[in-house]
Amino acid sequence: MSKFAIVLTLIATFALGACNTVRGVGQDVEKAGEAIQRSTK
C-alpha cells in the first residue's frame, strides 16, 4: 500500500468519525482534500 493510500485512509477514517451532520461531512471532505493537496506539494 502506498504512503498516499495510507494517508487518505486515515484522513477518511477521522473525517467520517468526527462529523455528525451532512454539512459536517462536506467540511471534513473539504479539509481532507486540502490536506492531501498540501502533502503533495
N, C-alpha and C. Protein backbone atom coordinates (compact mmCIF):
# COMPACT_ATOMS: atom_id res chain seq x y z
N MET A 1 0.85 -1.18 0.00
CA MET A 1 0.00 0.00 0.00
C MET A 1 0.89 1.24 0.00
N SER A 2 0.58 2.16 -0.87
CA SER A 2 1.40 3.36 -0.97
C SER A 2 1.16 4.29 0.21
N LYS A 3 2.11 5.17 0.43
CA LYS A 3 2.00 6.15 1.52
C LYS A 3 0.75 7.01 1.33
N PHE A 4 0.49 7.40 0.09
CA PHE A 4 -0.68 8.23 -0.21
C PHE A 4 -1.98 7.51 0.18
N ALA A 5 -2.08 6.24 -0.14
CA ALA A 5 -3.29 5.48 0.19
C ALA A 5 -3.47 5.36 1.70
N ILE A 6 -2.38 5.19 2.42
CA ILE A 6 -2.47 5.09 3.88
C ILE A 6 -2.94 6.42 4.47
N VAL A 7 -2.35 7.52 4.01
CA VAL A 7 -2.74 8.84 4.50
C VAL A 7 -4.20 9.10 4.17
N LEU A 8 -4.62 8.79 2.96
CA LEU A 8 -6.00 9.01 2.56
C LEU A 8 -6.97 8.20 3.42
N THR A 9 -6.62 6.97 3.71
CA THR A 9 -7.46 6.12 4.55
C THR A 9 -7.58 6.68 5.97
N LEU A 10 -6.47 7.13 6.52
CA LEU A 10 -6.50 7.70 7.87
C LEU A 10 -7.34 8.97 7.92
N ILE A 11 -7.16 9.83 6.94
CA ILE A 11 -7.94 11.07 6.89
C ILE A 11 -9.42 10.76 6.77
N ALA A 12 -9.77 9.83 5.90
CA ALA A 12 -11.17 9.48 5.72
C ALA A 12 -11.76 8.91 7.00
N THR A 13 -11.02 8.09 7.69
CA THR A 13 -11.49 7.49 8.93
C THR A 13 -11.77 8.56 9.99
N PHE A 14 -10.82 9.47 10.17
CA PHE A 14 -11.01 10.53 11.16
C PHE A 14 -12.13 11.49 10.75
N ALA A 15 -12.18 11.81 9.47
CA ALA A 15 -13.19 12.76 8.98
C ALA A 15 -14.59 12.18 9.18
N LEU A 16 -14.79 10.93 8.81
CA LEU A 16 -16.12 10.33 8.93
C LEU A 16 -16.49 10.07 10.39
N GLY A 17 -15.50 9.82 11.21
CA GLY A 17 -15.76 9.58 12.62
C GLY A 17 -16.07 10.85 13.40
N ALA A 18 -15.64 11.99 12.88
CA ALA A 18 -15.77 13.24 13.62
C ALA A 18 -17.02 14.03 13.28
N CYS A 19 -17.69 13.71 12.18
CA CYS A 19 -18.80 14.55 11.74
C CYS A 19 -20.15 13.94 12.14
N ASN A 20 -21.11 14.81 12.40
CA ASN A 20 -22.43 14.36 12.82
C ASN A 20 -23.53 14.74 11.84
N THR A 21 -23.25 15.63 10.92
CA THR A 21 -24.28 16.09 10.00
C THR A 21 -23.77 16.04 8.57
N VAL A 22 -24.68 16.17 7.62
CA VAL A 22 -24.29 16.19 6.21
C VAL A 22 -23.37 17.38 5.95
N ARG A 23 -23.67 18.51 6.56
CA ARG A 23 -22.81 19.69 6.43
C ARG A 23 -21.41 19.39 6.97
N GLY A 24 -21.36 18.70 8.08
CA GLY A 24 -20.07 18.32 8.66
C GLY A 24 -19.28 17.40 7.76
N VAL A 25 -19.97 16.49 7.06
CA VAL A 25 -19.30 15.59 6.12
C VAL A 25 -18.64 16.42 5.03
N GLY A 26 -19.36 17.39 4.49
CA GLY A 26 -18.82 18.24 3.43
C GLY A 26 -17.59 19.00 3.90
N GLN A 27 -17.64 19.53 5.09
CA GLN A 27 -16.49 20.27 5.63
C GLN A 27 -15.31 19.33 5.84
N ASP A 28 -15.58 18.14 6.36
CA ASP A 28 -14.50 17.20 6.61
C ASP A 28 -13.86 16.74 5.30
N VAL A 29 -14.68 16.49 4.28
CA VAL A 29 -14.15 16.07 2.99
C VAL A 29 -13.31 17.19 2.38
N GLU A 30 -13.77 18.41 2.53
CA GLU A 30 -13.01 19.56 2.01
C GLU A 30 -11.66 19.67 2.72
N LYS A 31 -11.66 19.53 4.03
CA LYS A 31 -10.41 19.61 4.79
C LYS A 31 -9.47 18.46 4.41
N ALA A 32 -10.03 17.29 4.20
CA ALA A 32 -9.20 16.14 3.79
C ALA A 32 -8.57 16.41 2.43
N GLY A 33 -9.34 16.97 1.51
CA GLY A 33 -8.81 17.30 0.20
C GLY A 33 -7.70 18.33 0.28
N GLU A 34 -7.88 19.32 1.14
CA GLU A 34 -6.84 20.34 1.32
C GLU A 34 -5.57 19.72 1.91
N ALA A 35 -5.73 18.80 2.85
CA ALA A 35 -4.57 18.15 3.45
C ALA A 35 -3.82 17.33 2.41
N ILE A 36 -4.55 16.67 1.55
CA ILE A 36 -3.92 15.88 0.50
C ILE A 36 -3.16 16.79 -0.45
N GLN A 37 -3.76 17.91 -0.80
CA GLN A 37 -3.08 18.85 -1.70
C GLN A 37 -1.79 19.37 -1.06
N ARG A 38 -1.84 19.68 0.22
CA ARG A 38 -0.64 20.17 0.91
C ARG A 38 0.44 19.09 0.96
N SER A 39 0.04 17.84 1.13
CA SER A 39 1.02 16.76 1.24
C SER A 39 1.69 16.46 -0.09
N THR A 40 1.08 16.83 -1.19
CA THR A 40 1.67 16.54 -2.50
C THR A 40 2.58 17.65 -2.99
N LYS A 41 2.60 18.79 -2.30
CA LYS A 41 3.44 19.92 -2.73
C LYS A 41 4.85 19.78 -2.23
